[in-house]
Amino acid sequence: MAQHAKDSPPASLDNPATVQAGARAFSERGCVNCHGGPGVNWAKFSEGLRPDPPDLKELADQLSPAQLFWVIKHGINMTGMPSFGLIEVPDQEIWTIVAFVKKLPSVSDADFKAWTAKP
C-alpha cells in the first residue's frame, strides 16, 4: 500500500468544516457499521467479518493521510473493506473522511452526534 499511496489532499485536513463534512460522510456512507464512531457502537453483523474491522481511533495516528485515502478509495482485497472509488464516491469526499479519521481520537461523542445529526 505504501508504494501506491502517493495522493495528497487538495486542502487542509485540519479545517473544521472539512472534518465535520467527513464525519457526516463517515456516518452516511456506512463506515460506522463496521468501525463504530464516537458514541456509536459497531453493527452486530460486523462481528462476523474476518479479519475484524479495525478500531480507527487506534490506527489514525499510525497511517498517513495518503495511506488512508488509498484504502478508502481502493478497498482491501479479501476483507469487508469496500472500494469507495468503485461506487464513484468523489475524491473530495474521500479526503473529508480522511480528515475526520485523522481527528477521530480527539472527537467527542457530543461533537460526532452534532456533526452527523440530520437537519
PDB file of N, CA and C in Angstrom:
ATOM      1  N   MET A   1       0.826  -1.190   0.000  1.00  0.00           N
ATOM      2  CA  MET A   1       0.000   0.000   0.000  1.00  0.00           C
ATOM      3  C   MET A   1       0.872   1.256   0.000  1.00  0.00           C
ATOM      4  N   ALA A   2       1.955   1.254   0.787  1.00  0.00           N
ATOM      5  CA  ALA A   2       2.771   2.458   0.923  1.00  0.00           C
ATOM      6  C   ALA A   2       3.294   2.942  -0.427  1.00  0.00           C
ATOM      7  N   GLN A   3       3.673   2.014  -1.312  1.00  0.00           N
ATOM      8  CA  GLN A   3       4.194   2.444  -2.607  1.00  0.00           C
ATOM      9  C   GLN A   3       3.118   3.041  -3.503  1.00  0.00           C
ATOM     10  N   HIS A   4       1.849   2.727  -3.240  1.00  0.00           N
ATOM     11  CA  HIS A   4       0.755   3.249  -4.050  1.00  0.00           C
ATOM     12  C   HIS A   4       0.143   4.514  -3.472  1.00  0.00           C
ATOM     13  N   ALA A   5       0.335   4.776  -2.195  1.00  0.00           N
ATOM     14  CA  ALA A   5      -0.322   5.888  -1.511  1.00  0.00           C
ATOM     15  C   ALA A   5       0.456   7.181  -1.743  1.00  0.00           C
ATOM     16  N   LYS A   6       0.281   7.740  -2.925  1.00  0.00           N
ATOM     17  CA  LYS A   6       1.029   8.942  -3.304  1.00  0.00           C
ATOM     18  C   LYS A   6       0.154  10.189  -3.386  1.00  0.00           C
ATOM     19  N   ASP A   7      -1.181  10.020  -3.284  1.00  0.00           N
ATOM     20  CA  ASP A   7      -2.071  11.172  -3.399  1.00  0.00           C
ATOM     21  C   ASP A   7      -1.882  12.116  -2.220  1.00  0.00           C
ATOM     22  N   SER A   8      -2.130  13.400  -2.471  1.00  0.00           N
ATOM     23  CA  SER A   8      -2.072  14.371  -1.384  1.00  0.00           C
ATOM     24  C   SER A   8      -3.373  15.153  -1.361  1.00  0.00           C
ATOM     25  N   PRO A   9      -3.776  15.599  -0.178  1.00  0.00           N
ATOM     26  CA  PRO A   9      -5.071  16.267  -0.047  1.00  0.00           C
ATOM     27  C   PRO A   9      -5.121  17.580  -0.820  1.00  0.00           C
ATOM     28  N   PRO A  10      -6.313  17.904  -1.349  1.00  0.00           N
ATOM     29  CA  PRO A  10      -6.461  19.145  -2.103  1.00  0.00           C
ATOM     30  C   PRO A  10      -6.538  20.378  -1.215  1.00  0.00           C
ATOM     31  N   ALA A  11      -6.797  20.196   0.088  1.00  0.00           N
ATOM     32  CA  ALA A  11      -6.907  21.322   1.018  1.00  0.00           C
ATOM     33  C   ALA A  11      -6.468  20.844   2.399  1.00  0.00           C
ATOM     34  N   SER A  12      -6.437  21.753   3.348  1.00  0.00           N
ATOM     35  CA  SER A  12      -6.022  21.406   4.702  1.00  0.00           C
ATOM     36  C   SER A  12      -6.993  20.421   5.334  1.00  0.00           C
ATOM     37  N   LEU A  13      -6.452  19.363   5.900  1.00  0.00           N
ATOM     38  CA  LEU A  13      -7.279  18.376   6.587  1.00  0.00           C
ATOM     39  C   LEU A  13      -7.635  18.833   7.995  1.00  0.00           C
ATOM     40  N   ASP A  14      -7.069  19.957   8.430  1.00  0.00           N
ATOM     41  CA  ASP A  14      -7.360  20.484   9.762  1.00  0.00           C
ATOM     42  C   ASP A  14      -8.541  21.451   9.777  1.00  0.00           C
ATOM     43  N   ASN A  15      -9.059  21.789   8.619  1.00  0.00           N
ATOM     44  CA  ASN A  15     -10.188  22.717   8.527  1.00  0.00           C
ATOM     45  C   ASN A  15     -11.406  22.101   9.216  1.00  0.00           C
ATOM     46  N   PRO A  16     -11.998  22.782  10.222  1.00  0.00           N
ATOM     47  CA  PRO A  16     -13.149  22.219  10.941  1.00  0.00           C
ATOM     48  C   PRO A  16     -14.319  21.841  10.024  1.00  0.00           C
ATOM     49  N   ALA A  17     -14.570  22.627   8.987  1.00  0.00           N
ATOM     50  CA  ALA A  17     -15.675  22.311   8.073  1.00  0.00           C
ATOM     51  C   ALA A  17     -15.386  21.013   7.313  1.00  0.00           C
ATOM     52  N   THR A  18     -14.127  20.784   6.959  1.00  0.00           N
ATOM     53  CA  THR A  18     -13.740  19.557   6.266  1.00  0.00           C
ATOM     54  C   THR A  18     -13.906  18.349   7.183  1.00  0.00           C
ATOM     55  N   VAL A  19     -13.461  18.487   8.427  1.00  0.00           N
ATOM     56  CA  VAL A  19     -13.581  17.397   9.405  1.00  0.00           C
ATOM     57  C   VAL A  19     -15.054  17.067   9.652  1.00  0.00           C
ATOM     58  N   GLN A  20     -15.878  18.099   9.789  1.00  0.00           N
ATOM     59  CA  GLN A  20     -17.308  17.879  10.033  1.00  0.00           C
ATOM     60  C   GLN A  20     -17.991  17.241   8.822  1.00  0.00           C
ATOM     61  N   ALA A  21     -17.612  17.662   7.628  1.00  0.00           N
ATOM     62  CA  ALA A  21     -18.151  17.033   6.414  1.00  0.00           C
ATOM     63  C   ALA A  21     -17.723  15.571   6.365  1.00  0.00           C
ATOM     64  N   GLY A  22     -16.507  15.295   6.794  1.00  0.00           N
ATOM     65  CA  GLY A  22     -16.025  13.916   6.842  1.00  0.00           C
ATOM     66  C   GLY A  22     -16.786  13.070   7.848  1.00  0.00           C
ATOM     67  N   ALA A  23     -17.149  13.666   8.979  1.00  0.00           N
ATOM     68  CA  ALA A  23     -17.947  12.941   9.980  1.00  0.00           C
ATOM     69  C   ALA A  23     -19.298  12.555   9.385  1.00  0.00           C
ATOM     70  N   ARG A  24     -19.913  13.501   8.658  1.00  0.00           N
ATOM     71  CA  ARG A  24     -21.205  13.208   8.017  1.00  0.00           C
ATOM     72  C   ARG A  24     -21.056  12.094   6.980  1.00  0.00           C
ATOM     73  N   ALA A  25     -20.028  12.171   6.147  1.00  0.00           N
ATOM     74  CA  ALA A  25     -19.805  11.146   5.123  1.00  0.00           C
ATOM     75  C   ALA A  25     -19.506   9.800   5.778  1.00  0.00           C
ATOM     76  N   PHE A  26     -18.715   9.789   6.845  1.00  0.00           N
ATOM     77  CA  PHE A  26     -18.373   8.572   7.576  1.00  0.00           C
ATOM     78  C   PHE A  26     -19.654   7.897   8.087  1.00  0.00           C
ATOM     79  N   SER A  27     -20.566   8.710   8.580  1.00  0.00           N
ATOM     80  CA  SER A  27     -21.834   8.181   9.086  1.00  0.00           C
ATOM     81  C   SER A  27     -22.752   7.747   7.950  1.00  0.00           C
ATOM     82  N   GLU A  28     -22.936   8.608   6.954  1.00  0.00           N
ATOM     83  CA  GLU A  28     -23.895   8.346   5.871  1.00  0.00           C
ATOM     84  C   GLU A  28     -23.441   7.237   4.928  1.00  0.00           C
ATOM     85  N   ARG A  29     -22.144   7.075   4.743  1.00  0.00           N
ATOM     86  CA  ARG A  29     -21.621   6.030   3.840  1.00  0.00           C
ATOM     87  C   ARG A  29     -21.530   4.669   4.525  1.00  0.00           C
ATOM     88  N   GLY A  30     -21.886   4.609   5.803  1.00  0.00           N
ATOM     89  CA  GLY A  30     -21.947   3.330   6.500  1.00  0.00           C
ATOM     90  C   GLY A  30     -20.676   2.902   7.209  1.00  0.00           C
ATOM     91  N   CYS A  31     -19.683   3.761   7.277  1.00  0.00           N
ATOM     92  CA  CYS A  31     -18.426   3.399   7.940  1.00  0.00           C
ATOM     93  C   CYS A  31     -18.662   3.005   9.402  1.00  0.00           C
ATOM     94  N   VAL A  32     -19.637   3.676  10.049  1.00  0.00           N
ATOM     95  CA  VAL A  32     -19.916   3.385  11.457  1.00  0.00           C
ATOM     96  C   VAL A  32     -20.406   1.960  11.657  1.00  0.00           C
ATOM     97  N   ASN A  33     -20.997   1.356  10.634  1.00  0.00           N
ATOM     98  CA  ASN A  33     -21.496  -0.013  10.789  1.00  0.00           C
ATOM     99  C   ASN A  33     -20.393  -0.990  11.154  1.00  0.00           C
ATOM    100  N   CYS A  34     -19.228  -0.813  10.554  1.00  0.00           N
ATOM    101  CA  CYS A  34     -18.114  -1.731  10.800  1.00  0.00           C
ATOM    102  C   CYS A  34     -17.076  -1.165  11.769  1.00  0.00           C
ATOM    103  N   HIS A  35     -16.874   0.149  11.755  1.00  0.00           N
ATOM    104  CA  HIS A  35     -15.810   0.752  12.552  1.00  0.00           C
ATOM    105  C   HIS A  35     -16.313   1.463  13.793  1.00  0.00           C
ATOM    106  N   GLY A  36     -17.636   1.626  13.938  1.00  0.00           N
ATOM    107  CA  GLY A  36     -18.164   2.387  15.057  1.00  0.00           C
ATOM    108  C   GLY A  36     -17.798   3.852  14.898  1.00  0.00           C
ATOM    109  N   GLY A  37     -18.026   4.599  15.941  1.00  0.00           N
ATOM    110  CA  GLY A  37     -17.699   6.015  15.945  1.00  0.00           C
ATOM    111  C   GLY A  37     -17.882   6.529  17.352  1.00  0.00           C
ATOM    112  N   PRO A  38     -17.536   7.781  17.605  1.00  0.00           N
ATOM    113  CA  PRO A  38     -17.708   8.320  18.949  1.00  0.00           C
ATOM    114  C   PRO A  38     -19.172   8.214  19.399  1.00  0.00           C
ATOM    115  N   GLY A  39     -19.406   7.418  20.414  1.00  0.00           N
ATOM    116  CA  GLY A  39     -20.757   7.230  20.940  1.00  0.00           C
ATOM    117  C   GLY A  39     -21.634   6.311  20.117  1.00  0.00           C
ATOM    118  N   VAL A  40     -21.062   5.665  19.086  1.00  0.00           N
ATOM    119  CA  VAL A  40     -21.825   4.773  18.205  1.00  0.00           C
ATOM    120  C   VAL A  40     -21.155   3.401  18.205  1.00  0.00           C
ATOM    121  N   ASN A  41     -21.912   2.374  18.559  1.00  0.00           N
ATOM    122  CA  ASN A  41     -21.378   1.012  18.554  1.00  0.00           C
ATOM    123  C   ASN A  41     -21.372   0.445  17.143  1.00  0.00           C
ATOM    124  N   TRP A  42     -20.486  -0.505  16.906  1.00  0.00           N
ATOM    125  CA  TRP A  42     -20.440  -1.215  15.640  1.00  0.00           C
ATOM    126  C   TRP A  42     -21.730  -1.990  15.473  1.00  0.00           C
ATOM    127  N   ALA A  43     -22.156  -2.205  14.251  1.00  0.00           N
ATOM    128  CA  ALA A  43     -23.330  -3.034  13.970  1.00  0.00           C
ATOM    129  C   ALA A  43     -22.988  -4.481  14.296  1.00  0.00           C
ATOM    130  N   LYS A  44     -23.976  -5.224  14.763  1.00  0.00           N
ATOM    131  CA  LYS A  44     -23.767  -6.614  15.183  1.00  0.00           C
ATOM    132  C   LYS A  44     -23.135  -7.462  14.066  1.00  0.00           C
ATOM    133  N   PHE A  45     -23.564  -7.251  12.810  1.00  0.00           N
ATOM    134  CA  PHE A  45     -23.032  -8.077  11.713  1.00  0.00           C
ATOM    135  C   PHE A  45     -21.529  -7.942  11.553  1.00  0.00           C
ATOM    136  N   SER A  46     -20.959  -6.807  11.954  1.00  0.00           N
ATOM    137  CA  SER A  46     -19.521  -6.606  11.762  1.00  0.00           C
ATOM    138  C   SER A  46     -18.693  -7.560  12.615  1.00  0.00           C
ATOM    139  N   GLU A  47     -19.320  -8.148  13.650  1.00  0.00           N
ATOM    140  CA  GLU A  47     -18.598  -9.111  14.486  1.00  0.00           C
ATOM    141  C   GLU A  47     -18.266 -10.380  13.704  1.00  0.00           C
ATOM    142  N   GLY A  48     -18.973 -10.614  12.585  1.00  0.00           N
ATOM    143  CA  GLY A  48     -18.721 -11.801  11.777  1.00  0.00           C
ATOM    144  C   GLY A  48     -17.700 -11.592  10.676  1.00  0.00           C
ATOM    145  N   LEU A  49     -17.212 -10.377  10.506  1.00  0.00           N
ATOM    146  CA  LEU A  49     -16.221 -10.109   9.462  1.00  0.00           C
ATOM    147  C   LEU A  49     -14.845 -10.593   9.903  1.00  0.00           C
ATOM    148  N   ARG A  50     -14.133 -11.205   8.961  1.00  0.00           N
ATOM    149  CA  ARG A  50     -12.768 -11.653   9.224  1.00  0.00           C
ATOM    150  C   ARG A  50     -11.888 -11.191   8.088  1.00  0.00           C
ATOM    151  N   PRO A  51     -10.856 -10.458   8.331  1.00  0.00           N
ATOM    152  CA  PRO A  51     -10.427 -10.031   9.658  1.00  0.00           C
ATOM    153  C   PRO A  51     -11.387  -8.999  10.253  1.00  0.00           C
ATOM    154  N   ASP A  52     -11.300  -8.831  11.579  1.00  0.00           N
ATOM    155  CA  ASP A  52     -12.142  -7.845  12.254  1.00  0.00           C
ATOM    156  C   ASP A  52     -11.838  -6.456  11.710  1.00  0.00           C
ATOM    157  N   PRO A  53     -12.873  -5.623  11.528  1.00  0.00           N
ATOM    158  CA  PRO A  53     -12.610  -4.234  11.137  1.00  0.00           C
ATOM    159  C   PRO A  53     -11.822  -3.544  12.259  1.00  0.00           C
ATOM    160  N   PRO A  54     -10.816  -2.776  11.923  1.00  0.00           N
ATOM    161  CA  PRO A  54     -10.015  -2.137  12.969  1.00  0.00           C
ATOM    162  C   PRO A  54     -10.761  -0.989  13.649  1.00  0.00           C
ATOM    163  N   ASP A  55     -10.353  -0.719  14.886  1.00  0.00           N
ATOM    164  CA  ASP A  55     -10.812   0.474  15.592  1.00  0.00           C
ATOM    165  C   ASP A  55      -9.985   1.631  15.030  1.00  0.00           C
ATOM    166  N   LEU A  56     -10.608   2.496  14.284  1.00  0.00           N
ATOM    167  CA  LEU A  56      -9.868   3.547  13.584  1.00  0.00           C
ATOM    168  C   LEU A  56      -9.247   4.570  14.525  1.00  0.00           C
ATOM    169  N   LYS A  57      -9.768   4.692  15.746  1.00  0.00           N
ATOM    170  CA  LYS A  57      -9.120   5.590  16.715  1.00  0.00           C
ATOM    171  C   LYS A  57      -7.699   5.127  16.997  1.00  0.00           C
ATOM    172  N   GLU A  58      -7.495   3.808  16.966  1.00  0.00           N
ATOM    173  CA  GLU A  58      -6.170   3.264  17.234  1.00  0.00           C
ATOM    174  C   GLU A  58      -5.237   3.374  16.027  1.00  0.00           C
ATOM    175  N   LEU A  59      -5.803   3.407  14.826  1.00  0.00           N
ATOM    176  CA  LEU A  59      -4.980   3.463  13.606  1.00  0.00           C
ATOM    177  C   LEU A  59      -4.730   4.875  13.096  1.00  0.00           C
ATOM    178  N   ALA A  60      -5.521   5.828  13.537  1.00  0.00           N
ATOM    179  CA  ALA A  60      -5.476   7.180  12.976  1.00  0.00           C
ATOM    180  C   ALA A  60      -4.078   7.783  12.996  1.00  0.00           C
ATOM    181  N   ASP A  61      -3.340   7.559  14.059  1.00  0.00           N
ATOM    182  CA  ASP A  61      -2.007   8.151  14.172  1.00  0.00           C
ATOM    183  C   ASP A  61      -0.926   7.323  13.475  1.00  0.00           C
ATOM    184  N   GLN A  62      -1.261   6.076  13.127  1.00  0.00           N
ATOM    185  CA  GLN A  62      -0.269   5.186  12.518  1.00  0.00           C
ATOM    186  C   GLN A  62      -0.229   5.288  10.996  1.00  0.00           C
ATOM    187  N   LEU A  63      -1.315   5.752  10.396  1.00  0.00           N
ATOM    188  CA  LEU A  63      -1.397   5.821   8.935  1.00  0.00           C
ATOM    189  C   LEU A  63      -1.359   7.263   8.457  1.00  0.00           C
ATOM    190  N   SER A  64      -0.684   7.487   7.357  1.00  0.00           N
ATOM    191  CA  SER A  64      -0.630   8.828   6.779  1.00  0.00           C
ATOM    192  C   SER A  64      -1.959   9.133   6.087  1.00  0.00           C
ATOM    193  N   PRO A  65      -2.254  10.405   5.851  1.00  0.00           N
ATOM    194  CA  PRO A  65      -3.457  10.737   5.086  1.00  0.00           C
ATOM    195  C   PRO A  65      -3.478  10.038   3.726  1.00  0.00           C
ATOM    196  N   ALA A  66      -2.339   9.958   3.047  1.00  0.00           N
ATOM    197  CA  ALA A  66      -2.287   9.303   1.738  1.00  0.00           C
ATOM    198  C   ALA A  66      -2.630   7.826   1.846  1.00  0.00           C
ATOM    199  N   GLN A  67      -2.154   7.155   2.906  1.00  0.00           N
ATOM    200  CA  GLN A  67      -2.478   5.739   3.095  1.00  0.00           C
ATOM    201  C   GLN A  67      -3.965   5.540   3.366  1.00  0.00           C
ATOM    202  N   LEU A  68      -4.542   6.381   4.219  1.00  0.00           N
ATOM    203  CA  LEU A  68      -5.979   6.290   4.493  1.00  0.00           C
ATOM    204  C   LEU A  68      -6.788   6.509   3.221  1.00  0.00           C
ATOM    205  N   PHE A  69      -6.406   7.521   2.441  1.00  0.00           N
ATOM    206  CA  PHE A  69      -7.097   7.808   1.187  1.00  0.00           C
ATOM    207  C   PHE A  69      -7.068   6.585   0.276  1.00  0.00           C
ATOM    208  N   TRP A  70      -5.890   5.972   0.147  1.00  0.00           N
ATOM    209  CA  TRP A  70      -5.735   4.825  -0.741  1.00  0.00           C
ATOM    210  C   TRP A  70      -6.647   3.678  -0.312  1.00  0.00           C
ATOM    211  N   VAL A  71      -6.684   3.369   0.991  1.00  0.00           N
ATOM    212  CA  VAL A  71      -7.519   2.268   1.485  1.00  0.00           C
ATOM    213  C   VAL A  71      -8.995   2.564   1.250  1.00  0.00           C
ATOM    214  N   ILE A  72      -9.419   3.780   1.540  1.00  0.00           N
ATOM    215  CA  ILE A  72     -10.834   4.128   1.358  1.00  0.00           C
ATOM    216  C   ILE A  72     -11.193   4.090  -0.126  1.00  0.00           C
ATOM    217  N   LYS A  73     -10.340   4.625  -0.967  1.00  0.00           N
ATOM    218  CA  LYS A  73     -10.639   4.680  -2.401  1.00  0.00           C
ATOM    219  C   LYS A  73     -10.611   3.299  -3.044  1.00  0.00           C
ATOM    220  N   HIS A  74      -9.647   2.460  -2.684  1.00  0.00           N
ATOM    221  CA  HIS A  74      -9.440   1.187  -3.369  1.00  0.00           C
ATOM    222  C   HIS A  74      -9.948  -0.036  -2.604  1.00  0.00           C
ATOM    223  N   GLY A  75     -10.229   0.113  -1.314  1.00  0.00           N
ATOM    224  CA  GLY A  75     -10.655  -1.026  -0.512  1.00  0.00           C
ATOM    225  C   GLY A  75      -9.481  -1.942  -0.215  1.00  0.00           C
ATOM    226  N   ILE A  76      -9.782  -3.036   0.481  1.00  0.00           N
ATOM    227  CA  ILE A  76      -8.745  -4.027   0.799  1.00  0.00           C
ATOM    228  C   ILE A  76      -9.257  -5.384   0.345  1.00  0.00           C
ATOM    229  N   ASN A  77      -8.538  -5.984  -0.597  1.00  0.00           N
ATOM    230  CA  ASN A  77      -8.940  -7.294  -1.123  1.00  0.00           C
ATOM    231  C   ASN A  77      -9.064  -8.329  -0.011  1.00  0.00           C
ATOM    232  N   MET A  78     -10.026  -9.221  -0.188  1.00  0.00           N
ATOM    233  CA  MET A  78     -10.234 -10.356   0.708  1.00  0.00           C
ATOM    234  C   MET A  78     -10.682  -9.938   2.111  1.00  0.00           C
ATOM    235  N   THR A  79     -11.245  -8.735   2.233  1.00  0.00           N
ATOM    236  CA  THR A  79     -11.793  -8.270   3.510  1.00  0.00           C
ATOM    237  C   THR A  79     -13.158  -7.651   3.219  1.00  0.00           C
ATOM    238  N   GLY A  80     -13.803  -7.158   4.242  1.00  0.00           N
ATOM    239  CA  GLY A  80     -15.078  -6.475   4.073  1.00  0.00           C
ATOM    240  C   GLY A  80     -14.932  -5.006   3.697  1.00  0.00           C
ATOM    241  N   MET A  81     -13.683  -4.502   3.576  1.00  0.00           N
ATOM    242  CA  MET A  81     -13.472  -3.092   3.259  1.00  0.00           C
ATOM    243  C   MET A  81     -13.682  -2.858   1.766  1.00  0.00           C
ATOM    244  N   PRO A  82     -14.795  -2.152   1.419  1.00  0.00           N
ATOM    245  CA  PRO A  82     -15.100  -1.929   0.008  1.00  0.00           C
ATOM    246  C   PRO A  82     -14.269  -0.809  -0.597  1.00  0.00           C
ATOM    247  N   SER A  83     -14.304  -0.737  -1.914  1.00  0.00           N
ATOM    248  CA  SER A  83     -13.673   0.351  -2.655  1.00  0.00           C
ATOM    249  C   SER A  83     -14.687   1.460  -2.850  1.00  0.00           C
ATOM    250  N   PHE A  84     -14.450   2.601  -2.223  1.00  0.00           N
ATOM    251  CA  PHE A  84     -15.343   3.740  -2.411  1.00  0.00           C
ATOM    252  C   PHE A  84     -15.177   4.323  -3.815  1.00  0.00           C
ATOM    253  N   GLY A  85     -14.016   4.111  -4.422  1.00  0.00           N
ATOM    254  CA  GLY A  85     -13.795   4.557  -5.793  1.00  0.00           C
ATOM    255  C   GLY A  85     -14.695   3.832  -6.780  1.00  0.00           C
ATOM    256  N   LEU A  86     -14.893   2.531  -6.569  1.00  0.00           N
ATOM    257  CA  LEU A  86     -15.730   1.749  -7.481  1.00  0.00           C
ATOM    258  C   LEU A  86     -17.199   2.156  -7.435  1.00  0.00           C
ATOM    259  N   ILE A  87     -17.631   2.715  -6.302  1.00  0.00           N
ATOM    260  CA  ILE A  87     -19.024   3.181  -6.237  1.00  0.00           C
ATOM    261  C   ILE A  87     -19.099   4.689  -6.511  1.00  0.00           C
ATOM    262  N   GLU A  88     -17.996   5.205  -7.071  1.00  0.00           N
ATOM    263  CA  GLU A  88     -17.913   6.574  -7.563  1.00  0.00           C
ATOM    264  C   GLU A  88     -18.098   7.649  -6.494  1.00  0.00           C
ATOM    265  N   VAL A  89     -17.574   7.375  -5.297  1.00  0.00           N
ATOM    266  CA  VAL A  89     -17.508   8.428  -4.284  1.00  0.00           C
ATOM    267  C   VAL A  89     -16.415   9.397  -4.748  1.00  0.00           C
ATOM    268  N   PRO A  90     -16.730  10.690  -4.844  1.00  0.00           N
ATOM    269  CA  PRO A  90     -15.725  11.652  -5.331  1.00  0.00           C
ATOM    270  C   PRO A  90     -14.501  11.717  -4.413  1.00  0.00           C
ATOM    271  N   ASP A  91     -13.339  11.920  -5.020  1.00  0.00           N
ATOM    272  CA  ASP A  91     -12.097  12.035  -4.245  1.00  0.00           C
ATOM    273  C   ASP A  91     -12.230  13.085  -3.146  1.00  0.00           C
ATOM    274  N   GLN A  92     -12.859  14.215  -3.446  1.00  0.00           N
ATOM    275  CA  GLN A  92     -13.013  15.286  -2.452  1.00  0.00           C
ATOM    276  C   GLN A  92     -13.738  14.761  -1.212  1.00  0.00           C
ATOM    277  N   GLU A  93     -14.769  13.954  -1.394  1.00  0.00           N
ATOM    278  CA  GLU A  93     -15.493  13.397  -0.257  1.00  0.00           C
ATOM    279  C   GLU A  93     -14.622  12.393   0.503  1.00  0.00           C
ATOM    280  N   ILE A  94     -13.851  11.598  -0.221  1.00  0.00           N
ATOM    281  CA  ILE A  94     -12.936  10.657   0.438  1.00  0.00           C
ATOM    282  C   ILE A  94     -11.944  11.424   1.303  1.00  0.00           C
ATOM    283  N   TRP A  95     -11.435  12.554   0.809  1.00  0.00           N
ATOM    284  CA  TRP A  95     -10.496  13.355   1.600  1.00  0.00           C
ATOM    285  C   TRP A  95     -11.157  13.887   2.871  1.00  0.00           C
ATOM    286  N   THR A  96     -12.459  14.209   2.830  1.00  0.00           N
ATOM    287  CA  THR A  96     -13.116  14.671   4.062  1.00  0.00           C
ATOM    288  C   THR A  96     -13.170  13.533   5.077  1.00  0.00           C
ATOM    289  N   ILE A  97     -13.401  12.302   4.600  1.00  0.00           N
ATOM    290  CA  ILE A  97     -13.410  11.139   5.506  1.00  0.00           C
ATOM    291  C   ILE A  97     -12.017  10.956   6.115  1.00  0.00           C
ATOM    292  N   VAL A  98     -10.985  11.121   5.300  1.00  0.00           N
ATOM    293  CA  VAL A  98      -9.610  11.038   5.801  1.00  0.00           C
ATOM    294  C   VAL A  98      -9.399  12.084   6.893  1.00  0.00           C
ATOM    295  N   ALA A  99      -9.840  13.313   6.661  1.00  0.00           N
ATOM    296  CA  ALA A  99      -9.688  14.388   7.654  1.00  0.00           C
ATOM    297  C   ALA A  99     -10.369  14.002   8.965  1.00  0.00           C
ATOM    298  N   PHE A 100     -11.571  13.439   8.869  1.00  0.00           N
ATOM    299  CA  PHE A 100     -12.288  13.015  10.067  1.00  0.00           C
ATOM    300  C   PHE A 100     -11.546  11.888  10.785  1.00  0.00           C
ATOM    301  N   VAL A 101     -11.108  10.886  10.051  1.00  0.00           N
ATOM    302  CA  VAL A 101     -10.410   9.750  10.680  1.00  0.00           C
ATOM    303  C   VAL A 101      -9.138  10.221  11.383  1.00  0.00           C
ATOM    304  N   LYS A 102      -8.401  11.162  10.786  1.00  0.00           N
ATOM    305  CA  LYS A 102      -7.187  11.671  11.420  1.00  0.00           C
ATOM    306  C   LYS A 102      -7.507  12.378  12.742  1.00  0.00           C
ATOM    307  N   LYS A 103      -8.684  12.994  12.855  1.00  0.00           N
ATOM    308  CA  LYS A 103      -9.099  13.691  14.083  1.00  0.00           C
ATOM    309  C   LYS A 103      -9.841  12.772  15.043  1.00  0.00           C
ATOM    310  N   LEU A 104     -10.211  11.590  14.583  1.00  0.00           N
ATOM    311  CA  LEU A 104     -11.073  10.681  15.345  1.00  0.00           C
ATOM    312  C   LEU A 104     -10.666  10.478  16.807  1.00  0.00           C
ATOM    313  N   PRO A 105      -9.382  10.308  17.129  1.00  0.00           N
ATOM    314  CA  PRO A 105      -9.032  10.073  18.534  1.00  0.00           C
ATOM    315  C   PRO A 105      -9.457  11.207  19.479  1.00  0.00           C
ATOM    316  N   SER A 106      -9.628  12.414  18.955  1.00  0.00           N
ATOM    317  CA  SER A 106      -9.973  13.548  19.820  1.00  0.00           C
ATOM    318  C   SER A 106     -11.422  14.020  19.655  1.00  0.00           C
ATOM    319  N   VAL A 107     -12.224  13.319  18.851  1.00  0.00           N
ATOM    320  CA  VAL A 107     -13.614  13.729  18.627  1.00  0.00           C
ATOM    321  C   VAL A 107     -14.485  13.196  19.763  1.00  0.00           C
ATOM    322  N   SER A 108     -15.238  14.092  20.382  1.00  0.00           N
ATOM    323  CA  SER A 108     -16.121  13.686  21.482  1.00  0.00           C
ATOM    324  C   SER A 108     -17.410  13.070  20.938  1.00  0.00           C
ATOM    325  N   ASP A 109     -18.078  12.302  21.785  1.00  0.00           N
ATOM    326  CA  ASP A 109     -19.370  11.732  21.420  1.00  0.00           C
ATOM    327  C   ASP A 109     -20.348  12.841  21.038  1.00  0.00           C
ATOM    328  N   ALA A 110     -20.354  13.930  21.822  1.00  0.00           N
ATOM    329  CA  ALA A 110     -21.282  15.041  21.576  1.00  0.00           C
ATOM    330  C   ALA A 110     -20.996  15.719  20.240  1.00  0.00           C
ATOM    331  N   ASP A 111     -19.721  15.931  19.925  1.00  0.00           N
ATOM    332  CA  ASP A 111     -19.379  16.554  18.641  1.00  0.00           C
ATOM    333  C   ASP A 111     -19.823  15.667  17.479  1.00  0.00           C
ATOM    334  N   PHE A 112     -19.536  14.370  17.563  1.00  0.00           N
ATOM    335  CA  PHE A 112     -19.915  13.468  16.470  1.00  0.00           C
ATOM    336  C   PHE A 112     -21.428  13.462  16.283  1.00  0.00           C
ATOM    337  N   LYS A 113     -22.160  13.427  17.375  1.00  0.00           N
ATOM    338  CA  LYS A 113     -23.613  13.448  17.301  1.00  0.00           C
ATOM    339  C   LYS A 113     -24.100  14.742  16.648  1.00  0.00           C
ATOM    340  N   ALA A 114     -23.526  15.861  17.027  1.00  0.00           N
ATOM    341  CA  ALA A 114     -23.929  17.154  16.445  1.00  0.00           C
ATOM    342  C   ALA A 114     -23.577  17.225  14.965  1.00  0.00           C
ATOM    343  N   TRP A 115     -22.394  16.755  14.603  1.00  0.00           N
ATOM    344  CA  TRP A 115     -21.929  16.850  13.217  1.00  0.00           C
ATOM    345  C   TRP A 115     -22.730  15.941  12.286  1.00  0.00           C
ATOM    346  N   THR A 116     -23.259  14.835  12.827  1.00  0.00           N
ATOM    347  CA  THR A 116     -23.947  13.852  11.974  1.00  0.00           C
ATOM    348  C   THR A 116     -25.459  13.918  12.094  1.00  0.00           C
ATOM    349  N   ALA A 117     -25.969  14.855  12.877  1.00  0.00           N
ATOM    350  CA  ALA A 117     -27.438  14.970  13.042  1.00  0.00           C
ATOM    351  C   ALA A 117     -28.083  15.379  11.740  1.00  0.00           C
ATOM    352  N   LYS A 118     -29.227  14.794  11.461  1.00  0.00           N
ATOM    353  CA  LYS A 118     -29.975  15.168  10.267  1.00  0.00           C
ATOM    354  C   LYS A 118     -30.579  16.547  10.481  1.00  0.00           C
ATOM    355  N   PRO A 119     -30.497  17.424   9.453  1.00  0.00           N
ATOM    356  CA  PRO A 119     -31.043  18.784   9.610  1.00  0.00           C
ATOM    357  C   PRO A 119     -32.549  18.783   9.727  1.00  0.00           C
TER     358      PRO A 119
END
